[in-house]
Protein backbone atom coordinates (compact mmCIF):
# COMPACT_ATOMS: atom_id res chain seq x y z
CA MET A 1 87.77 66.55 -31.49
CA THR A 2 91.31 65.80 -31.63
CA MET A 3 93.70 68.13 -29.44
CA PRO A 4 96.91 68.15 -30.39
CA THR A 5 99.76 66.20 -28.65
CA PHE A 6 101.30 69.49 -27.62
CA VAL A 7 98.25 70.68 -25.80
CA ARG A 8 97.83 67.42 -24.13
CA ARG A 9 101.24 67.29 -22.72
CA LEU A 10 101.57 70.31 -21.89
CA VAL A 11 98.98 73.08 -20.42
CA TRP A 12 99.45 76.05 -19.07
CA ILE A 13 96.91 75.93 -15.98
CA ALA A 14 97.41 76.01 -12.09
CA ALA A 15 99.44 73.70 -10.45
CA LEU A 16 96.74 71.70 -8.06
CA GLY A 17 99.03 70.56 -5.32
CA ALA A 18 99.02 74.07 -3.30
CA THR A 19 95.70 74.14 -0.85
CA ILE A 20 94.80 77.50 0.28
CA GLY A 21 93.14 76.40 4.20
CA GLY A 22 90.88 78.87 5.20
CA THR A 23 93.83 81.65 6.14
CA GLY A 24 92.47 83.96 8.35
CA LEU A 25 88.79 83.96 6.72
CA SER A 26 85.64 82.16 8.80
CA GLY A 27 84.39 79.11 7.64
CA PRO A 28 85.45 75.72 5.99
CA ALA A 29 88.60 75.49 4.31
CA THR A 30 88.73 76.72 0.63
CA PRO A 31 89.54 74.52 -2.48
CA ALA A 32 93.24 74.37 -3.96
CA PHE A 33 94.16 77.51 -5.02
CA ALA A 34 97.25 78.33 -7.26
CA GLU A 35 98.98 80.31 -9.61
CA PRO A 36 99.71 79.56 -13.32
CA ALA A 37 101.87 76.80 -13.78
CA GLN A 38 103.02 73.84 -16.51
CA LEU A 39 100.69 70.72 -15.81
CA ASP A 40 101.34 67.62 -17.66
CA LEU A 41 98.14 65.92 -18.41
CA ALA A 42 100.15 62.77 -19.00
CA ARG A 43 99.90 62.59 -15.27
CA TYR A 44 96.56 62.24 -14.97
CA ARG A 45 96.99 58.88 -17.42
CA GLY A 46 94.99 56.02 -16.21
CA LYS A 47 92.18 58.14 -15.13
CA VAL A 48 89.18 60.11 -16.31
CA VAL A 49 89.72 63.52 -16.42
CA TYR A 50 86.58 65.64 -16.16
CA VAL A 51 87.23 69.24 -16.71
CA ASP A 52 84.72 72.25 -16.21
CA PHE A 53 85.42 75.79 -17.40
CA TRP A 54 82.98 78.15 -14.94
CA ALA A 55 82.64 81.56 -13.68
CA SER A 56 80.73 83.10 -10.36
CA TRP A 57 78.55 84.67 -12.52
CA CYS A 58 77.26 82.29 -14.82
CA GLY A 59 74.10 80.58 -13.43
CA PRO A 60 74.44 77.38 -14.93
CA CYS A 61 78.09 77.23 -13.97
CA LYS A 62 77.07 77.76 -10.60
CA GLN A 63 74.05 74.92 -10.72
CA ALA A 64 76.71 72.18 -12.01
CA PHE A 65 79.14 72.31 -8.68
CA PRO A 66 76.56 70.52 -6.97
CA TYR A 67 76.57 67.71 -9.54
CA MET A 68 80.70 67.88 -9.93
CA ALA A 69 80.50 67.62 -5.93
CA LYS A 70 78.19 64.69 -6.30
CA LEU A 71 80.50 63.37 -8.84
CA SER A 72 83.65 63.31 -7.02
CA ARG A 73 82.06 61.27 -3.86
CA GLN A 74 80.66 58.70 -6.24
CA TYR A 75 83.98 57.97 -7.53
CA ARG A 76 87.25 56.71 -6.22
CA PRO A 77 89.93 59.19 -6.55
CA GLN A 78 92.40 56.81 -8.51
CA ASP A 79 88.96 56.77 -11.10
CA LEU A 80 88.21 60.17 -11.82
CA VAL A 81 89.78 63.31 -11.37
CA ILE A 82 87.64 66.78 -11.33
CA ILE A 83 89.27 70.07 -12.52
CA THR A 84 87.35 73.35 -12.63
CA ILE A 85 88.83 76.48 -14.47
CA ASN A 86 87.66 79.72 -13.63
CA GLU A 87 87.33 82.22 -16.19
CA GLU A 88 86.91 85.55 -14.41
CA ARG A 89 89.39 88.74 -14.57
CA GLN A 90 89.28 88.76 -11.10
CA ARG A 91 89.71 85.90 -8.63
CA ALA A 92 87.65 87.79 -5.58
CA PRO A 93 84.15 86.89 -6.97
CA GLY A 94 85.23 83.32 -7.60
CA GLU A 95 86.72 82.69 -4.56
CA ALA A 96 83.72 83.82 -2.47
CA PHE A 97 81.57 81.94 -4.54
CA LEU A 98 83.56 78.54 -3.87
CA ARG A 99 83.40 79.36 -0.05
CA GLN A 100 79.57 79.87 -0.21
CA VAL A 101 78.98 76.69 -1.68
CA GLN A 102 81.87 74.92 0.06
CA SER A 103 83.33 73.53 -2.64
CA LYS A 104 86.35 71.33 -2.26
CA LEU A 105 87.11 70.82 -5.88
CA PRO A 106 90.57 72.03 -7.27
CA VAL A 107 90.34 75.32 -9.02
CA VAL A 108 92.71 76.87 -12.01
CA TRP A 109 92.39 80.57 -12.32
CA ASP A 110 92.71 81.00 -16.30
CA SER A 111 92.54 84.95 -15.89
CA GLU A 112 93.99 85.90 -19.03
CA GLY A 113 91.72 83.32 -21.14
CA THR A 114 94.67 81.29 -22.48
CA LEU A 115 93.06 77.88 -21.65
CA ALA A 116 89.82 79.14 -22.91
CA LYS A 117 91.62 80.15 -26.48
CA THR A 118 93.64 77.22 -26.28
CA TRP A 119 90.77 74.49 -26.03
CA GLN A 120 88.00 76.62 -27.54
CA VAL A 121 85.60 77.67 -24.85
CA ASN A 122 83.24 79.94 -26.46
CA GLU A 123 80.40 79.57 -23.97
CA LEU A 124 80.40 79.01 -20.15
CA PRO A 125 80.18 76.79 -18.73
CA MET A 126 81.86 74.38 -21.06
CA THR A 127 83.00 70.51 -19.79
CA MET A 128 85.54 68.25 -21.40
CA LEU A 129 85.88 64.42 -20.43
CA PHE A 130 89.10 62.53 -21.30
CA ASP A 131 89.24 59.29 -20.97
CA ARG A 132 91.90 57.01 -19.47
CA GLN A 133 94.55 57.29 -22.28
CA GLY A 134 94.02 61.35 -22.04
CA LYS A 135 92.25 61.37 -25.55
CA PRO A 136 88.81 63.81 -25.24
CA ARG A 137 85.83 62.04 -25.50
CA PHE A 138 83.11 64.33 -24.81
CA ARG A 139 82.97 67.68 -25.00
CA HIS A 140 79.32 69.60 -23.63
CA THR A 141 78.60 73.39 -23.25
CA GLY A 142 75.74 74.51 -20.98
CA PHE A 143 74.98 72.43 -18.36
CA LEU A 144 71.04 71.70 -17.97
CA SER A 145 70.35 69.51 -14.23
CA ASP A 146 67.82 67.68 -16.56
CA LYS A 147 70.61 66.46 -18.38
CA THR A 148 72.76 65.05 -15.68
CA ALA A 149 71.69 61.07 -16.19
CA GLU A 150 73.40 61.48 -19.63
CA TYR A 151 76.20 63.58 -18.23
CA SER A 152 76.88 60.87 -15.99
CA ALA A 153 76.54 57.94 -17.98
CA GLN A 154 79.30 59.37 -19.84
CA VAL A 155 81.21 59.55 -16.68
CA ASP A 156 80.35 55.72 -15.95
CA ALA A 157 81.13 54.35 -19.42
CA LEU A 158 84.72 55.81 -19.26
CA VAL A 159 85.46 54.95 -15.57
CA LYS A 160 84.59 51.21 -16.45
CA GLU A 161 86.92 51.59 -19.35
CA HIS A 162 90.42 50.14 -19.14
C-alpha cells in the first residue's frame, strides 16, 4: 500500500507534545491530549511508527492497549513511536477508558474522522506500521491476542532494519 506524499508529510492530527497531567482528577496522570494540529510525519524519520485507530466502545481496541503498552516498554523511544488515534465524537468516554487502564500512550483525537477517512479506516481497531523511512509496511484490521507474536515479529523486523 502506498500513501500519497502529501499525506505522509502533513496529516491533520493532534500535536503530541502537550501533556495534561491529572489536573483536578484523582488517580494517575493522563496521557498526551491535544487539539488538532498539523504533524509532519518526517519528524519521526529514523523511527518505526506504530499508529493505532481505536474507540472506547470497541472491545478488540481495548484489548490492544496492554499489548501496545508492552511494546512501548520493550523498545527504546528512539526506535519505536506509538501513536493512538481515537475515533469517537466525544472525548469523555475515551479519556475515562485511558484513565482506567492508566495508559501513558499519546492520543490523537480524530472526532471528525479526518484521519480515518484519509487513511481509509473502515473498521476498528486498525493498525499501521511505518518503517524508519516513513513508508507504510504493514496494516492490520482487528486485534487478536493470539496474533501478538506475529505483530511483534513485524515490529521487531522494522526496528532491526537500518
